Every structure is written in C-alpha cells, then in structure tokens.
Amino acid sequence: MKIRKGDRVVVLQGKDRGKEGTVTFAFPAEDRVIVDGVNVAKKHQKPTRAIQQGGIIDKEMPVHVSSVAILCAACGKPTRVGYRFEGDGTKVRICRKCGGDL
C-alpha cells in the first residue's frame, strides 16, 4: 500500500468526494485508511466504566485506499505514487506528475 499514516490525501469518490484530510490510521491488510473528517458515521454509545457519558458520537469509518489520492507537496495536485532509489540504496516516494518528493 503506497499511502501511509500522516499523508495528505483527497477523496476521489463517494459522498465526501473532493474533501481533503490527513490519514490518521492505515490498515494495509484490508487496503483501507481512516481520513480525518471523511466518512463520518453516527454511533450510539452506551455509557461504560471507560466512557462515563453515553449518547450519539461521530465516528470516522475507513475508506478504501483506491478511493483516495495523495496530494503532492510540490505541485499541490492529486497524484499517484512512484519510487526512486537514491545512491545509498534508500527508496524515496515521488510524485508521478511533477517528479517531486512526497
């Protein structure tokens, strides 16, 4: 999976199309990510020892990784991720549109 925690992404499809946010969690086994402020669902929470206050809370649900595109820091456009190997053998993610580092 080419999108990691902390990446700035834009949603490409669904009810939140066009929204931007930061990836807070990544689940590579399921090919899903949680983006803050995107795909928010209402959850009826019962009061427990850990949570004293019950009620209806907003919970961010995961979206499929194919539904989001990473935003390039250099050109500011949604792009695909490519790779380049440096001289010392390190792997660097690059923007497919402008070639800048991500």
PDB file of N, CA and C in Angstrom:
ATOM      1  N   MET A   1       0.847  -1.174   0.000  1.00  0.00           N
ATOM      2  CA  MET A   1       0.000   0.000   0.000  1.00  0.00           C
ATOM      3  C   MET A   1       0.897   1.243   0.000  1.00  0.00           C
ATOM      4  N   LYS A   2       0.618   2.160  -0.889  1.00  0.00           N
ATOM      5  CA  LYS A   2       1.510   3.306  -1.092  1.00  0.00           C
ATOM      6  C   LYS A   2       1.139   4.526  -0.264  1.00  0.00           C
ATOM      7  N   ILE A   3      -0.010   4.486   0.397  1.00  0.00           N
ATOM      8  CA  ILE A   3      -0.434   5.614   1.241  1.00  0.00           C
ATOM      9  C   ILE A   3      -0.182   5.248   2.692  1.00  0.00           C
ATOM     10  N   ARG A   4       0.438   6.170   3.427  1.00  0.00           N
ATOM     11  CA  ARG A   4       0.831   5.909   4.819  1.00  0.00           C
ATOM     12  C   ARG A   4       0.150   6.877   5.767  1.00  0.00           C
ATOM     13  N   LYS A   5       0.280   6.591   7.048  1.00  0.00           N
ATOM     14  CA  LYS A   5      -0.230   7.475   8.097  1.00  0.00           C
ATOM     15  C   LYS A   5       0.496   8.816   8.005  1.00  0.00           C
ATOM     16  N   GLY A   6      -0.268   9.897   8.103  1.00  0.00           N
ATOM     17  CA  GLY A   6       0.310  11.234   8.035  1.00  0.00           C
ATOM     18  C   GLY A   6       0.285  11.864   6.657  1.00  0.00           C
ATOM     19  N   ASP A   7      -0.070  11.106   5.624  1.00  0.00           N
ATOM     20  CA  ASP A   7      -0.139  11.648   4.263  1.00  0.00           C
ATOM     21  C   ASP A   7      -1.364  12.535   4.107  1.00  0.00           C
ATOM     22  N   ARG A   8      -1.229  13.582   3.308  1.00  0.00           N
ATOM     23  CA  ARG A   8      -2.345  14.466   2.970  1.00  0.00           C
ATOM     24  C   ARG A   8      -2.991  13.896   1.713  1.00  0.00           C
ATOM     25  N   VAL A   9      -4.303  13.587   1.788  1.00  0.00           N
ATOM     26  CA  VAL A   9      -4.994  12.944   0.667  1.00  0.00           C
ATOM     27  C   VAL A   9      -6.266  13.705   0.317  1.00  0.00           C
ATOM     28  N   VAL A  10      -6.776  13.431  -0.882  1.00  0.00           N
ATOM     29  CA  VAL A  10      -8.058  13.959  -1.345  1.00  0.00           C
ATOM     30  C   VAL A  10      -8.926  12.763  -1.724  1.00  0.00           C
ATOM     31  N   VAL A  11     -10.240  12.852  -1.412  1.00  0.00           N
ATOM     32  CA  VAL A  11     -11.175  11.766  -1.696  1.00  0.00           C
ATOM     33  C   VAL A  11     -11.628  11.877  -3.142  1.00  0.00           C
ATOM     34  N   LEU A  12     -11.577  10.755  -3.876  1.00  0.00           N
ATOM     35  CA  LEU A  12     -11.912  10.748  -5.302  1.00  0.00           C
ATOM     36  C   LEU A  12     -13.339  10.319  -5.591  1.00  0.00           C
ATOM     37  N   GLN A  13     -13.943   9.505  -4.713  1.00  0.00           N
ATOM     38  CA  GLN A  13     -15.293   9.016  -4.981  1.00  0.00           C
ATOM     39  C   GLN A  13     -16.054   8.824  -3.685  1.00  0.00           C
ATOM     40  N   GLY A  14     -17.372   8.824  -3.805  1.00  0.00           N
ATOM     41  CA  GLY A  14     -18.229   8.652  -2.649  1.00  0.00           C
ATOM     42  C   GLY A  14     -18.893   9.950  -2.237  1.00  0.00           C
ATOM     43  N   LYS A  15     -19.578   9.914  -1.077  1.00  0.00           N
ATOM     44  CA  LYS A  15     -20.340  11.087  -0.617  1.00  0.00           C
ATOM     45  C   LYS A  15     -19.437  12.237  -0.207  1.00  0.00           C
ATOM     46  N   ASP A  16     -18.167  11.959   0.112  1.00  0.00           N
ATOM     47  CA  ASP A  16     -17.226  13.000   0.526  1.00  0.00           C
ATOM     48  C   ASP A  16     -16.242  13.361  -0.577  1.00  0.00           C
ATOM     49  N   ARG A  17     -16.629  13.189  -1.829  1.00  0.00           N
ATOM     50  CA  ARG A  17     -15.753  13.464  -2.959  1.00  0.00           C
ATOM     51  C   ARG A  17     -15.257  14.920  -2.930  1.00  0.00           C
ATOM     52  N   GLY A  18     -13.944  15.100  -3.087  1.00  0.00           N
ATOM     53  CA  GLY A  18     -13.357  16.430  -3.113  1.00  0.00           C
ATOM     54  C   GLY A  18     -12.816  16.889  -1.773  1.00  0.00           C
ATOM     55  N   LYS A  19     -13.167  16.225  -0.697  1.00  0.00           N
ATOM     56  CA  LYS A  19     -12.678  16.621   0.626  1.00  0.00           C
ATOM     57  C   LYS A  19     -11.213  16.221   0.789  1.00  0.00           C
ATOM     58  N   GLU A  20     -10.477  17.061   1.516  1.00  0.00           N
ATOM     59  CA  GLU A  20      -9.078  16.780   1.806  1.00  0.00           C
ATOM     60  C   GLU A  20      -8.919  16.490   3.285  1.00  0.00           C
ATOM     61  N   GLY A  21      -7.937  15.682   3.616  1.00  0.00           N
ATOM     62  CA  GLY A  21      -7.674  15.357   5.007  1.00  0.00           C
ATOM     63  C   GLY A  21      -6.363  14.614   5.159  1.00  0.00           C
ATOM     64  N   THR A  22      -6.009  14.339   6.407  1.00  0.00           N
ATOM     65  CA  THR A  22      -4.790  13.625   6.727  1.00  0.00           C
ATOM     66  C   THR A  22      -5.138  12.202   7.148  1.00  0.00           C
ATOM     67  N   VAL A  23      -4.342  11.251   6.713  1.00  0.00           N
ATOM     68  CA  VAL A  23      -4.546   9.848   7.077  1.00  0.00           C
ATOM     69  C   VAL A  23      -4.145   9.679   8.539  1.00  0.00           C
ATOM     70  N   THR A  24      -5.091   9.209   9.377  1.00  0.00           N
ATOM     71  CA  THR A  24      -4.797   9.006  10.793  1.00  0.00           C
ATOM     72  C   THR A  24      -4.450   7.556  11.095  1.00  0.00           C
ATOM     73  N   PHE A  25      -5.056   6.613  10.384  1.00  0.00           N
ATOM     74  CA  PHE A  25      -4.751   5.194  10.538  1.00  0.00           C
ATOM     75  C   PHE A  25      -4.692   4.553   9.167  1.00  0.00           C
ATOM     76  N   ALA A  26      -3.825   3.557   9.016  1.00  0.00           N
ATOM     77  CA  ALA A  26      -3.747   2.778   7.780  1.00  0.00           C
ATOM     78  C   ALA A  26      -3.855   1.305   8.131  1.00  0.00           C
ATOM     79  N   PHE A  27      -4.678   0.583   7.375  1.00  0.00           N
ATOM     80  CA  PHE A  27      -4.859  -0.854   7.565  1.00  0.00           C
ATOM     81  C   PHE A  27      -4.424  -1.556   6.285  1.00  0.00           C
ATOM     82  N   PRO A  28      -3.129  -1.864   6.132  1.00  0.00           N
ATOM     83  CA  PRO A  28      -2.647  -2.458   4.879  1.00  0.00           C
ATOM     84  C   PRO A  28      -3.246  -3.827   4.573  1.00  0.00           C
ATOM     85  N   ALA A  29      -3.594  -4.602   5.599  1.00  0.00           N
ATOM     86  CA  ALA A  29      -4.159  -5.932   5.358  1.00  0.00           C
ATOM     87  C   ALA A  29      -5.517  -5.837   4.676  1.00  0.00           C
ATOM     88  N   GLU A  30      -6.292  -4.794   4.991  1.00  0.00           N
ATOM     89  CA  GLU A  30      -7.617  -4.622   4.390  1.00  0.00           C
ATOM     90  C   GLU A  30      -7.625  -3.596   3.263  1.00  0.00           C
ATOM     91  N   ASP A  31      -6.485  -2.976   2.940  1.00  0.00           N
ATOM     92  CA  ASP A  31      -6.394  -1.913   1.918  1.00  0.00           C
ATOM     93  C   ASP A  31      -7.331  -0.760   2.233  1.00  0.00           C
ATOM     94  N   ARG A  32      -7.370  -0.348   3.500  1.00  0.00           N
ATOM     95  CA  ARG A  32      -8.246   0.741   3.921  1.00  0.00           C
ATOM     96  C   ARG A  32      -7.477   1.750   4.755  1.00  0.00           C
ATOM     97  N   VAL A  33      -7.950   3.000   4.739  1.00  0.00           N
ATOM     98  CA  VAL A  33      -7.361   4.069   5.541  1.00  0.00           C
ATOM     99  C   VAL A  33      -8.475   4.854   6.216  1.00  0.00           C
ATOM    100  N   ILE A  34      -8.150   5.486   7.343  1.00  0.00           N
ATOM    101  CA  ILE A  34      -9.078   6.393   8.010  1.00  0.00           C
ATOM    102  C   ILE A  34      -8.547   7.801   7.820  1.00  0.00           C
ATOM    103  N   VAL A  35      -9.368   8.655   7.216  1.00  0.00           N
ATOM    104  CA  VAL A  35      -9.007  10.046   6.948  1.00  0.00           C
ATOM    105  C   VAL A  35      -9.846  10.924   7.864  1.00  0.00           C
ATOM    106  N   ASP A  36      -9.195  11.895   8.532  1.00  0.00           N
ATOM    107  CA  ASP A  36      -9.935  12.736   9.479  1.00  0.00           C
ATOM    108  C   ASP A  36     -10.939  13.633   8.760  1.00  0.00           C
ATOM    109  N   GLY A  37     -12.176  13.624   9.264  1.00  0.00           N
ATOM    110  CA  GLY A  37     -13.253  14.438   8.705  1.00  0.00           C
ATOM    111  C   GLY A  37     -13.946  13.829   7.505  1.00  0.00           C
ATOM    112  N   VAL A  38     -13.610  12.595   7.154  1.00  0.00           N
ATOM    113  CA  VAL A  38     -14.179  11.947   5.973  1.00  0.00           C
ATOM    114  C   VAL A  38     -14.868  10.655   6.392  1.00  0.00           C
ATOM    115  N   ASN A  39     -16.023  10.363   5.784  1.00  0.00           N
ATOM    116  CA  ASN A  39     -16.794   9.145   6.040  1.00  0.00           C
ATOM    117  C   ASN A  39     -17.167   9.034   7.517  1.00  0.00           C
ATOM    118  N   VAL A  40     -17.798  10.071   8.037  1.00  0.00           N
ATOM    119  CA  VAL A  40     -18.178  10.129   9.444  1.00  0.00           C
ATOM    120  C   VAL A  40     -19.560   9.496   9.615  1.00  0.00           C
ATOM    121  N   ALA A  41     -19.656   8.570  10.583  1.00  0.00           N
ATOM    122  CA  ALA A  41     -20.915   7.883  10.869  1.00  0.00           C
ATOM    123  C   ALA A  41     -21.337   8.193  12.299  1.00  0.00           C
ATOM    124  N   LYS A  42     -22.632   8.130  12.561  1.00  0.00           N
ATOM    125  CA  LYS A  42     -23.165   8.313  13.912  1.00  0.00           C
ATOM    126  C   LYS A  42     -23.163   6.965  14.616  1.00  0.00           C
ATOM    127  N   LYS A  43     -22.665   6.929  15.838  1.00  0.00           N
ATOM    128  CA  LYS A  43     -22.629   5.694  16.614  1.00  0.00           C
ATOM    129  C   LYS A  43     -23.320   5.934  17.943  1.00  0.00           C
ATOM    130  N   HIS A  44     -24.215   5.042  18.317  1.00  0.00           N
ATOM    131  CA  HIS A  44     -24.918   5.137  19.596  1.00  0.00           C
ATOM    132  C   HIS A  44     -24.054   4.462  20.650  1.00  0.00           C
ATOM    133  N   GLN A  45     -23.463   5.258  21.536  1.00  0.00           N
ATOM    134  CA  GLN A  45     -22.511   4.771  22.535  1.00  0.00           C
ATOM    135  C   GLN A  45     -23.199   4.612  23.885  1.00  0.00           C
ATOM    136  N   LYS A  46     -23.087   3.422  24.454  1.00  0.00           N
ATOM    137  CA  LYS A  46     -23.639   3.143  25.771  1.00  0.00           C
ATOM    138  C   LYS A  46     -22.619   3.570  26.831  1.00  0.00           C
ATOM    139  N   PRO A  47     -23.041   4.143  27.946  1.00  0.00           N
ATOM    140  CA  PRO A  47     -22.059   4.522  28.968  1.00  0.00           C
ATOM    141  C   PRO A  47     -21.416   3.287  29.609  1.00  0.00           C
ATOM    142  N   THR A  48     -20.087   3.308  29.743  1.00  0.00           N
ATOM    143  CA  THR A  48     -19.340   2.218  30.369  1.00  0.00           C
ATOM    144  C   THR A  48     -18.413   2.811  31.425  1.00  0.00           C
ATOM    145  N   ARG A  49     -17.594   1.983  32.029  1.00  0.00           N
ATOM    146  CA  ARG A  49     -16.639   2.499  33.017  1.00  0.00           C
ATOM    147  C   ARG A  49     -15.621   3.424  32.371  1.00  0.00           C
ATOM    148  N   ALA A  50     -15.163   3.062  31.161  1.00  0.00           N
ATOM    149  CA  ALA A  50     -14.187   3.889  30.466  1.00  0.00           C
ATOM    150  C   ALA A  50     -14.816   5.186  29.958  1.00  0.00           C
ATOM    151  N   ILE A  51     -16.028   5.083  29.433  1.00  0.00           N
ATOM    152  CA  ILE A  51     -16.737   6.251  28.891  1.00  0.00           C
ATOM    153  C   ILE A  51     -17.932   6.514  29.803  1.00  0.00           C
ATOM    154  N   GLN A  52     -17.843   7.559  30.620  1.00  0.00           N
ATOM    155  CA  GLN A  52     -18.903   7.865  31.583  1.00  0.00           C
ATOM    156  C   GLN A  52     -20.163   8.365  30.874  1.00  0.00           C
ATOM    157  N   GLN A  53     -19.956   9.164  29.827  1.00  0.00           N
ATOM    158  CA  GLN A  53     -21.075   9.798  29.130  1.00  0.00           C
ATOM    159  C   GLN A  53     -21.488   8.962  27.924  1.00  0.00           C
ATOM    160  N   GLY A  54     -22.732   8.573  27.855  1.00  0.00           N
ATOM    161  CA  GLY A  54     -23.252   7.881  26.683  1.00  0.00           C
ATOM    162  C   GLY A  54     -23.818   8.886  25.700  1.00  0.00           C
ATOM    163  N   GLY A  55     -24.381   8.406  24.613  1.00  0.00           N
ATOM    164  CA  GLY A  55     -25.009   9.291  23.643  1.00  0.00           C
ATOM    165  C   GLY A  55     -24.606   8.940  22.225  1.00  0.00           C
ATOM    166  N   ILE A  56     -24.890   9.843  21.322  1.00  0.00           N
ATOM    167  CA  ILE A  56     -24.576   9.646  19.916  1.00  0.00           C
ATOM    168  C   ILE A  56     -23.259  10.349  19.623  1.00  0.00           C
ATOM    169  N   ILE A  57     -22.281   9.589  19.153  1.00  0.00           N
ATOM    170  CA  ILE A  57     -20.969  10.171  18.849  1.00  0.00           C
ATOM    171  C   ILE A  57     -20.692  10.042  17.356  1.00  0.00           C
ATOM    172  N   ASP A  58     -19.810  10.896  16.838  1.00  0.00           N
ATOM    173  CA  ASP A  58     -19.367  10.816  15.450  1.00  0.00           C
ATOM    174  C   ASP A  58     -18.124   9.951  15.389  1.00  0.00           C
ATOM    175  N   LYS A  59     -18.143   8.954  14.499  1.00  0.00           N
ATOM    176  CA  LYS A  59     -17.019   8.033  14.371  1.00  0.00           C
ATOM    177  C   LYS A  59     -16.555   8.034  12.927  1.00  0.00           C
ATOM    178  N   GLU A  60     -15.251   8.183  12.711  1.00  0.00           N
ATOM    179  CA  GLU A  60     -14.704   8.149  11.357  1.00  0.00           C
ATOM    180  C   GLU A  60     -14.489   6.705  10.941  1.00  0.00           C
ATOM    181  N   MET A  61     -15.080   6.333   9.824  1.00  0.00           N
ATOM    182  CA  MET A  61     -15.020   4.961   9.335  1.00  0.00           C
ATOM    183  C   MET A  61     -13.968   4.866   8.223  1.00  0.00           C
ATOM    184  N   PRO A  62     -13.405   3.668   8.021  1.00  0.00           N
ATOM    185  CA  PRO A  62     -12.379   3.525   6.981  1.00  0.00           C
ATOM    186  C   PRO A  62     -12.949   3.621   5.565  1.00  0.00           C
ATOM    187  N   VAL A  63     -12.113   4.101   4.645  1.00  0.00           N
ATOM    188  CA  VAL A  63     -12.437   4.139   3.218  1.00  0.00           C
ATOM    189  C   VAL A  63     -11.384   3.314   2.481  1.00  0.00           C
ATOM    190  N   HIS A  64     -11.753   2.801   1.330  1.00  0.00           N
ATOM    191  CA  HIS A  64     -10.811   2.002   0.555  1.00  0.00           C
ATOM    192  C   HIS A  64      -9.701   2.888   0.012  1.00  0.00           C
ATOM    193  N   VAL A  65      -8.507   2.331  -0.054  1.00  0.00           N
ATOM    194  CA  VAL A  65      -7.336   3.108  -0.460  1.00  0.00           C
ATOM    195  C   VAL A  65      -7.436   3.560  -1.926  1.00  0.00           C
ATOM    196  N   SER A  66      -8.226   2.857  -2.738  1.00  0.00           N
ATOM    197  CA  SER A  66      -8.397   3.262  -4.134  1.00  0.00           C
ATOM    198  C   SER A  66      -9.296   4.484  -4.262  1.00  0.00           C
ATOM    199  N   SER A  67     -10.003   4.846  -3.182  1.00  0.00           N
ATOM    200  CA  SER A  67     -10.906   5.996  -3.215  1.00  0.00           C
ATOM    201  C   SER A  67     -10.215   7.302  -2.857  1.00  0.00           C
ATOM    202  N   VAL A  68      -8.937   7.239  -2.509  1.00  0.00           N
ATOM    203  CA  VAL A  68      -8.201   8.448  -2.144  1.00  0.00           C
ATOM    204  C   VAL A  68      -6.943   8.548  -2.991  1.00  0.00           C
ATOM    205  N   ALA A  69      -6.494   9.787  -3.203  1.00  0.00           N
ATOM    206  CA  ALA A  69      -5.247  10.046  -3.925  1.00  0.00           C
ATOM    207  C   ALA A  69      -4.395  10.968  -3.075  1.00  0.00           C
ATOM    208  N   ILE A  70      -3.112  10.725  -3.064  1.00  0.00           N
ATOM    209  CA  ILE A  70      -2.192  11.515  -2.265  1.00  0.00           C
ATOM    210  C   ILE A  70      -1.993  12.883  -2.925  1.00  0.00           C
ATOM    211  N   LEU A  71      -1.889  13.931  -2.106  1.00  0.00           N
ATOM    212  CA  LEU A  71      -1.646  15.275  -2.611  1.00  0.00           C
ATOM    213  C   LEU A  71      -0.145  15.541  -2.609  1.00  0.00           C
ATOM    214  N   CYS A  72       0.371  16.004  -3.735  1.00  0.00           N
ATOM    215  CA  CYS A  72       1.797  16.312  -3.857  1.00  0.00           C
ATOM    216  C   CYS A  72       2.096  17.605  -3.108  1.00  0.00           C
ATOM    217  N   ALA A  73       3.180  17.617  -2.350  1.00  0.00           N
ATOM    218  CA  ALA A  73       3.571  18.812  -1.602  1.00  0.00           C
ATOM    219  C   ALA A  73       4.122  19.891  -2.537  1.00  0.00           C
ATOM    220  N   ALA A  74       4.730  19.480  -3.632  1.00  0.00           N
ATOM    221  CA  ALA A  74       5.347  20.443  -4.548  1.00  0.00           C
ATOM    222  C   ALA A  74       4.318  21.096  -5.472  1.00  0.00           C
ATOM    223  N   CYS A  75       3.516  20.280  -6.192  1.00  0.00           N
ATOM    224  CA  CYS A  75       2.574  20.854  -7.165  1.00  0.00           C
ATOM    225  C   CYS A  75       1.166  21.017  -6.607  1.00  0.00           C
ATOM    226  N   GLY A  76       0.842  20.369  -5.482  1.00  0.00           N
ATOM    227  CA  GLY A  76      -0.461  20.524  -4.851  1.00  0.00           C
ATOM    228  C   GLY A  76      -1.602  19.799  -5.533  1.00  0.00           C
ATOM    229  N   LYS A  77      -1.295  18.894  -6.458  1.00  0.00           N
ATOM    230  CA  LYS A  77      -2.328  18.170  -7.195  1.00  0.00           C
ATOM    231  C   LYS A  77      -2.409  16.729  -6.708  1.00  0.00           C
ATOM    232  N   PRO A  78      -3.587  16.086  -6.833  1.00  0.00           N
ATOM    233  CA  PRO A  78      -3.667  14.665  -6.508  1.00  0.00           C
ATOM    234  C   PRO A  78      -2.875  13.853  -7.521  1.00  0.00           C
ATOM    235  N   THR A  79      -2.123  12.887  -7.035  1.00  0.00           N
ATOM    236  CA  THR A  79      -1.227  12.149  -7.914  1.00  0.00           C
ATOM    237  C   THR A  79      -1.090  10.707  -7.472  1.00  0.00           C
ATOM    238  N   ARG A  80      -0.490   9.909  -8.336  1.00  0.00           N
ATOM    239  CA  ARG A  80      -0.099   8.552  -7.978  1.00  0.00           C
ATOM    240  C   ARG A  80       1.306   8.599  -7.392  1.00  0.00           C
ATOM    241  N   VAL A  81       1.704   7.501  -6.758  1.00  0.00           N
ATOM    242  CA  VAL A  81       2.993   7.446  -6.093  1.00  0.00           C
ATOM    243  C   VAL A  81       3.949   6.600  -6.915  1.00  0.00           C
ATOM    244  N   GLY A  82       5.145   7.136  -7.147  1.00  0.00           N
ATOM    245  CA  GLY A  82       6.208   6.380  -7.787  1.00  0.00           C
ATOM    246  C   GLY A  82       7.374   6.264  -6.819  1.00  0.00           C
ATOM    247  N   TYR A  83       8.385   5.520  -7.210  1.00  0.00           N
ATOM    248  CA  TYR A  83       9.547   5.330  -6.352  1.00  0.00           C
ATOM    249  C   TYR A  83      10.822   5.625  -7.108  1.00  0.00           C
ATOM    250  N   ARG A  84      11.818   6.077  -6.356  1.00  0.00           N
ATOM    251  CA  ARG A  84      13.150   6.312  -6.905  1.00  0.00           C
ATOM    252  C   ARG A  84      14.141   5.813  -5.869  1.00  0.00           C
ATOM    253  N   PHE A  85      15.235   5.208  -6.324  1.00  0.00           N
ATOM    254  CA  PHE A  85      16.261   4.734  -5.415  1.00  0.00           C
ATOM    255  C   PHE A  85      17.408   5.729  -5.394  1.00  0.00           C
ATOM    256  N   GLU A  86      17.787   6.144  -4.198  1.00  0.00           N
ATOM    257  CA  GLU A  86      18.910   7.070  -4.019  1.00  0.00           C
ATOM    258  C   GLU A  86      20.226   6.304  -4.163  1.00  0.00           C
ATOM    259  N   GLY A  87      21.336   7.026  -4.177  1.00  0.00           N
ATOM    260  CA  GLY A  87      22.658   6.416  -4.330  1.00  0.00           C
ATOM    261  C   GLY A  87      23.028   5.481  -3.196  1.00  0.00           C
ATOM    262  N   ASP A  88      22.539   5.783  -1.982  1.00  0.00           N
ATOM    263  CA  ASP A  88      22.877   4.931  -0.837  1.00  0.00           C
ATOM    264  C   ASP A  88      21.903   3.771  -0.665  1.00  0.00           C
ATOM    265  N   GLY A  89      20.979   3.564  -1.620  1.00  0.00           N
ATOM    266  CA  GLY A  89      20.073   2.430  -1.587  1.00  0.00           C
ATOM    267  C   GLY A  89      18.739   2.697  -0.923  1.00  0.00           C
ATOM    268  N   THR A  90      18.478   3.937  -0.485  1.00  0.00           N
ATOM    269  CA  THR A  90      17.193   4.242   0.144  1.00  0.00           C
ATOM    270  C   THR A  90      16.130   4.456  -0.935  1.00  0.00           C
ATOM    271  N   LYS A  91      14.910   4.070  -0.598  1.00  0.00           N
ATOM    272  CA  LYS A  91      13.774   4.175  -1.507  1.00  0.00           C
ATOM    273  C   LYS A  91      12.996   5.431  -1.160  1.00  0.00           C
ATOM    274  N   VAL A  92      12.747   6.310  -2.132  1.00  0.00           N
ATOM    275  CA  VAL A  92      12.062   7.584  -1.914  1.00  0.00           C
ATOM    276  C   VAL A  92      10.791   7.613  -2.745  1.00  0.00           C
ATOM    277  N   ARG A  93       9.670   8.030  -2.129  1.00  0.00           N
ATOM    278  CA  ARG A  93       8.417   8.167  -2.865  1.00  0.00           C
ATOM    279  C   ARG A  93       8.425   9.482  -3.639  1.00  0.00           C
ATOM    280  N   ILE A  94       7.971   9.438  -4.897  1.00  0.00           N
ATOM    281  CA  ILE A  94       7.948  10.635  -5.732  1.00  0.00           C
ATOM    282  C   ILE A  94       6.578  10.810  -6.364  1.00  0.00           C
ATOM    283  N   CYS A  95       6.295  12.052  -6.770  1.00  0.00           N
ATOM    284  CA  CYS A  95       5.058  12.405  -7.468  1.00  0.00           C
ATOM    285  C   CYS A  95       5.177  11.976  -8.920  1.00  0.00           C
ATOM    286  N   ARG A  96       4.120  11.339  -9.458  1.00  0.00           N
ATOM    287  CA  ARG A  96       4.140  10.910 -10.853  1.00  0.00           C
ATOM    288  C   ARG A  96       3.911  12.079 -11.810  1.00  0.00           C
ATOM    289  N   LYS A  97       3.342  13.184 -11.326  1.00  0.00           N
ATOM    290  CA  LYS A  97       3.049  14.311 -12.205  1.00  0.00           C
ATOM    291  C   LYS A  97       4.254  15.244 -12.371  1.00  0.00           C
ATOM    292  N   CYS A  98       4.873  15.636 -11.239  1.00  0.00           N
ATOM    293  CA  CYS A  98       5.956  16.618 -11.317  1.00  0.00           C
ATOM    294  C   CYS A  98       7.331  16.039 -11.002  1.00  0.00           C
ATOM    295  N   GLY A  99       7.386  14.846 -10.416  1.00  0.00           N
ATOM    296  CA  GLY A  99       8.660  14.232 -10.074  1.00  0.00           C
ATOM    297  C   GLY A  99       9.226  14.654  -8.737  1.00  0.00           C
ATOM    298  N   GLY A 100       8.511  15.506  -7.993  1.00  0.00           N
ATOM    299  CA  GLY A 100       8.986  15.967  -6.695  1.00  0.00           C
ATOM    300  C   GLY A 100       8.819  14.904  -5.611  1.00  0.00           C
ATOM    301  N   ASP A 101       9.564  15.054  -4.542  1.00  0.00           N
ATOM    302  CA  ASP A 101       9.487  14.104  -3.435  1.00  0.00           C
ATOM    303  C   ASP A 101       8.184  14.289  -2.660  1.00  0.00           C
ATOM    304  N   LEU A 102       7.658  13.174  -2.156  1.00  0.00           N
ATOM    305  CA  LEU A 102       6.426  13.221  -1.346  1.00  0.00           C
ATOM    306  C   LEU A 102       6.765  13.145   0.122  1.00  0.00           C
TER     307      LEU A 102
END
